[in-house]
Amino acid sequence: MSASTCLRRADSIYVPSNVRHSTKALEAGTLIDVFTPVREDLLHR
């Protein structure tokens, strides 16, 4: 199954653990990826 959501300024979306996902920017901006609990494997990249 494939679904898409168009986010606007200040929007956010929750993606459950172990769910494959991706993003596509339609214009310039900043992507902030947040993990809880912290993903230690990504801290030092």
PDB file of N, CA and C in Angstrom:
ATOM      1  N   MET A   1       0.845  -1.180   0.000  1.00  0.00           N
ATOM      2  CA  MET A   1       0.000   0.000   0.000  1.00  0.00           C
ATOM      3  C   MET A   1       0.887   1.239   0.000  1.00  0.00           C
ATOM      4  N   SER A   2       0.476   2.257  -0.699  1.00  0.00           N
ATOM      5  CA  SER A   2       1.220   3.498  -0.763  1.00  0.00           C
ATOM      6  C   SER A   2       0.294   4.650  -0.389  1.00  0.00           C
ATOM      7  N   ALA A   3       0.792   5.541   0.447  1.00  0.00           N
ATOM      8  CA  ALA A   3       0.009   6.706   0.848  1.00  0.00           C
ATOM      9  C   ALA A   3       0.915   7.925   0.822  1.00  0.00           C
ATOM     10  N   SER A   4       0.327   9.079   0.601  1.00  0.00           N
ATOM     11  CA  SER A   4       1.126  10.296   0.646  1.00  0.00           C
ATOM     12  C   SER A   4       0.389  11.354   1.454  1.00  0.00           C
ATOM     13  N   THR A   5       1.172  12.232   2.065  1.00  0.00           N
ATOM     14  CA  THR A   5       0.647  13.329   2.861  1.00  0.00           C
ATOM     15  C   THR A   5       1.437  14.566   2.510  1.00  0.00           C
ATOM     16  N   CYS A   6       0.760  15.640   2.217  1.00  0.00           N
ATOM     17  CA  CYS A   6       1.434  16.909   1.914  1.00  0.00           C
ATOM     18  C   CYS A   6       1.450  17.748   3.190  1.00  0.00           C
ATOM     19  N   LEU A   7       2.654  18.028   3.686  1.00  0.00           N
ATOM     20  CA  LEU A   7       2.802  18.820   4.902  1.00  0.00           C
ATOM     21  C   LEU A   7       3.067  20.271   4.545  1.00  0.00           C
ATOM     22  N   ARG A   8       2.561  21.161   5.374  1.00  0.00           N
ATOM     23  CA  ARG A   8       2.787  22.599   5.194  1.00  0.00           C
ATOM     24  C   ARG A   8       3.662  23.114   6.344  1.00  0.00           C
ATOM     25  N   ARG A   9       4.023  24.370   6.292  1.00  0.00           N
ATOM     26  CA  ARG A   9       4.864  24.983   7.316  1.00  0.00           C
ATOM     27  C   ARG A   9       4.360  24.626   8.719  1.00  0.00           C
ATOM     28  N   ALA A  10       5.283  24.166   9.567  1.00  0.00           N
ATOM     29  CA  ALA A  10       5.043  23.837  10.978  1.00  0.00           C
ATOM     30  C   ALA A  10       4.245  22.549  11.185  1.00  0.00           C
ATOM     31  N   ASP A  11       3.914  21.814  10.131  1.00  0.00           N
ATOM     32  CA  ASP A  11       3.238  20.523  10.274  1.00  0.00           C
ATOM     33  C   ASP A  11       4.231  19.453  10.704  1.00  0.00           C
ATOM     34  N   SER A  12       3.714  18.377  11.232  1.00  0.00           N
ATOM     35  CA  SER A  12       4.542  17.226  11.566  1.00  0.00           C
ATOM     36  C   SER A  12       3.746  15.962  11.275  1.00  0.00           C
ATOM     37  N   ILE A  13       4.459  14.848  11.244  1.00  0.00           N
ATOM     38  CA  ILE A  13       3.811  13.561  10.994  1.00  0.00           C
ATOM     39  C   ILE A  13       4.514  12.506  11.832  1.00  0.00           C
ATOM     40  N   TYR A  14       3.742  11.541  12.322  1.00  0.00           N
ATOM     41  CA  TYR A  14       4.281  10.444  13.114  1.00  0.00           C
ATOM     42  C   TYR A  14       4.372   9.205  12.229  1.00  0.00           C
ATOM     43  N   VAL A  15       5.544   8.581  12.221  1.00  0.00           N
ATOM     44  CA  VAL A  15       5.741   7.331  11.489  1.00  0.00           C
ATOM     45  C   VAL A  15       6.117   6.275  12.517  1.00  0.00           C
ATOM     46  N   PRO A  16       5.314   5.234  12.671  1.00  0.00           N
ATOM     47  CA  PRO A  16       5.603   4.196  13.670  1.00  0.00           C
ATOM     48  C   PRO A  16       6.950   3.502  13.405  1.00  0.00           C
ATOM     49  N   SER A  17       7.496   2.888  14.422  1.00  0.00           N
ATOM     50  CA  SER A  17       8.754   2.151  14.310  1.00  0.00           C
ATOM     51  C   SER A  17       8.661   1.079  13.232  1.00  0.00           C
ATOM     52  N   ASN A  18       9.787   0.875  12.547  1.00  0.00           N
ATOM     53  CA  ASN A  18       9.935  -0.185  11.542  1.00  0.00           C
ATOM     54  C   ASN A  18       9.009  -0.063  10.338  1.00  0.00           C
ATOM     55  N   VAL A  19       8.496   1.133  10.086  1.00  0.00           N
ATOM     56  CA  VAL A  19       7.677   1.366   8.897  1.00  0.00           C
ATOM     57  C   VAL A  19       8.552   2.088   7.869  1.00  0.00           C
ATOM     58  N   ARG A  20       8.709   1.496   6.713  1.00  0.00           N
ATOM     59  CA  ARG A  20       9.517   2.104   5.657  1.00  0.00           C
ATOM     60  C   ARG A  20       8.819   3.389   5.193  1.00  0.00           C
ATOM     61  N   HIS A  21       9.608   4.463   5.055  1.00  0.00           N
ATOM     62  CA  HIS A  21       9.050   5.741   4.638  1.00  0.00           C
ATOM     63  C   HIS A  21      10.106   6.563   3.910  1.00  0.00           C
ATOM     64  N   SER A  22       9.666   7.624   3.259  1.00  0.00           N
ATOM     65  CA  SER A  22      10.588   8.520   2.553  1.00  0.00           C
ATOM     66  C   SER A  22       9.974   9.913   2.513  1.00  0.00           C
ATOM     67  N   THR A  23      10.777  10.882   2.054  1.00  0.00           N
ATOM     68  CA  THR A  23      10.293  12.252   1.905  1.00  0.00           C
ATOM     69  C   THR A  23      10.670  12.779   0.537  1.00  0.00           C
ATOM     70  N   LYS A  24       9.941  13.772   0.094  1.00  0.00           N
ATOM     71  CA  LYS A  24      10.248  14.463  -1.151  1.00  0.00           C
ATOM     72  C   LYS A  24       9.933  15.935  -0.932  1.00  0.00           C
ATOM     73  N   ALA A  25      10.954  16.781  -0.998  1.00  0.00           N
ATOM     74  CA  ALA A  25      10.760  18.216  -0.807  1.00  0.00           C
ATOM     75  C   ALA A  25      10.254  18.845  -2.102  1.00  0.00           C
ATOM     76  N   LEU A  26       9.165  19.576  -2.012  1.00  0.00           N
ATOM     77  CA  LEU A  26       8.611  20.267  -3.173  1.00  0.00           C
ATOM     78  C   LEU A  26       9.181  21.672  -3.306  1.00  0.00           C
ATOM     79  N   GLU A  27       9.809  22.156  -2.230  1.00  0.00           N
ATOM     80  CA  GLU A  27      10.492  23.450  -2.245  1.00  0.00           C
ATOM     81  C   GLU A  27      11.558  23.447  -1.157  1.00  0.00           C
ATOM     82  N   ALA A  28      12.426  24.432  -1.164  1.00  0.00           N
ATOM     83  CA  ALA A  28      13.508  24.509  -0.178  1.00  0.00           C
ATOM     84  C   ALA A  28      12.942  24.608   1.230  1.00  0.00           C
ATOM     85  N   GLY A  29      13.618  23.968   2.183  1.00  0.00           N
ATOM     86  CA  GLY A  29      13.181  24.001   3.576  1.00  0.00           C
ATOM     87  C   GLY A  29      14.148  23.228   4.438  1.00  0.00           C
ATOM     88  N   THR A  30      13.739  22.924   5.658  1.00  0.00           N
ATOM     89  CA  THR A  30      14.561  22.183   6.604  1.00  0.00           C
ATOM     90  C   THR A  30      13.788  20.959   7.082  1.00  0.00           C
ATOM     91  N   LEU A  31      14.400  19.803   6.981  1.00  0.00           N
ATOM     92  CA  LEU A  31      13.800  18.571   7.489  1.00  0.00           C
ATOM     93  C   LEU A  31      14.406  18.278   8.852  1.00  0.00           C
ATOM     94  N   ILE A  32      13.573  18.062   9.842  1.00  0.00           N
ATOM     95  CA  ILE A  32      14.033  17.701  11.177  1.00  0.00           C
ATOM     96  C   ILE A  32      13.511  16.308  11.476  1.00  0.00           C
ATOM     97  N   ASP A  33      14.425  15.367  11.652  1.00  0.00           N
ATOM     98  CA  ASP A  33      14.081  13.977  11.927  1.00  0.00           C
ATOM     99  C   ASP A  33      14.290  13.727  13.413  1.00  0.00           C
ATOM    100  N   VAL A  34      13.264  13.320  14.137  1.00  0.00           N
ATOM    101  CA  VAL A  34      13.328  13.143  15.584  1.00  0.00           C
ATOM    102  C   VAL A  34      13.010  11.699  15.930  1.00  0.00           C
ATOM    103  N   PHE A  35      13.840  11.110  16.812  1.00  0.00           N
ATOM    104  CA  PHE A  35      13.642   9.733  17.244  1.00  0.00           C
ATOM    105  C   PHE A  35      13.488   9.684  18.757  1.00  0.00           C
ATOM    106  N   THR A  36      12.497   8.928  19.239  1.00  0.00           N
ATOM    107  CA  THR A  36      12.319   8.706  20.664  1.00  0.00           C
ATOM    108  C   THR A  36      12.061   7.231  20.871  1.00  0.00           C
ATOM    109  N   PRO A  37      12.896   6.531  21.613  1.00  0.00           N
ATOM    110  CA  PRO A  37      14.106   7.018  22.278  1.00  0.00           C
ATOM    111  C   PRO A  37      15.193   7.363  21.259  1.00  0.00           C
ATOM    112  N   VAL A  38      16.212   8.040  21.734  1.00  0.00           N
ATOM    113  CA  VAL A  38      17.319   8.473  20.882  1.00  0.00           C
ATOM    114  C   VAL A  38      17.938   7.281  20.168  1.00  0.00           C
ATOM    115  N   ARG A  39      18.246   7.449  18.881  1.00  0.00           N
ATOM    116  CA  ARG A  39      18.924   6.397  18.115  1.00  0.00           C
ATOM    117  C   ARG A  39      20.422   6.648  18.198  1.00  0.00           C
ATOM    118  N   GLU A  40      21.081   5.944  19.083  1.00  0.00           N
ATOM    119  CA  GLU A  40      22.526   6.109  19.288  1.00  0.00           C
ATOM    120  C   GLU A  40      23.315   5.873  18.001  1.00  0.00           C
ATOM    121  N   ASP A  41      22.829   4.979  17.117  1.00  0.00           N
ATOM    122  CA  ASP A  41      23.548   4.671  15.887  1.00  0.00           C
ATOM    123  C   ASP A  41      23.581   5.853  14.910  1.00  0.00           C
ATOM    124  N   LEU A  42      22.727   6.838  15.096  1.00  0.00           N
ATOM    125  CA  LEU A  42      22.701   7.987  14.194  1.00  0.00           C
ATOM    126  C   LEU A  42      23.357   9.238  14.785  1.00  0.00           C
ATOM    127  N   LEU A  43      23.747   9.200  16.051  1.00  0.00           N
ATOM    128  CA  LEU A  43      24.282  10.394  16.714  1.00  0.00           C
ATOM    129  C   LEU A  43      25.596  10.895  16.123  1.00  0.00           C
ATOM    130  N   HIS A  44      26.451  10.014  15.663  1.00  0.00           N
ATOM    131  CA  HIS A  44      27.805  10.420  15.264  1.00  0.00           C
ATOM    132  C   HIS A  44      28.018  10.340  13.764  1.00  0.00           C
ATOM    133  N   ARG A  45      26.993  10.486  12.980  1.00  0.00           N
ATOM    134  CA  ARG A  45      27.124  10.469  11.523  1.00  0.00           C
ATOM    135  C   ARG A  45      27.542  11.806  11.004  1.00  0.00           C
TER     136      ARG A  45
END
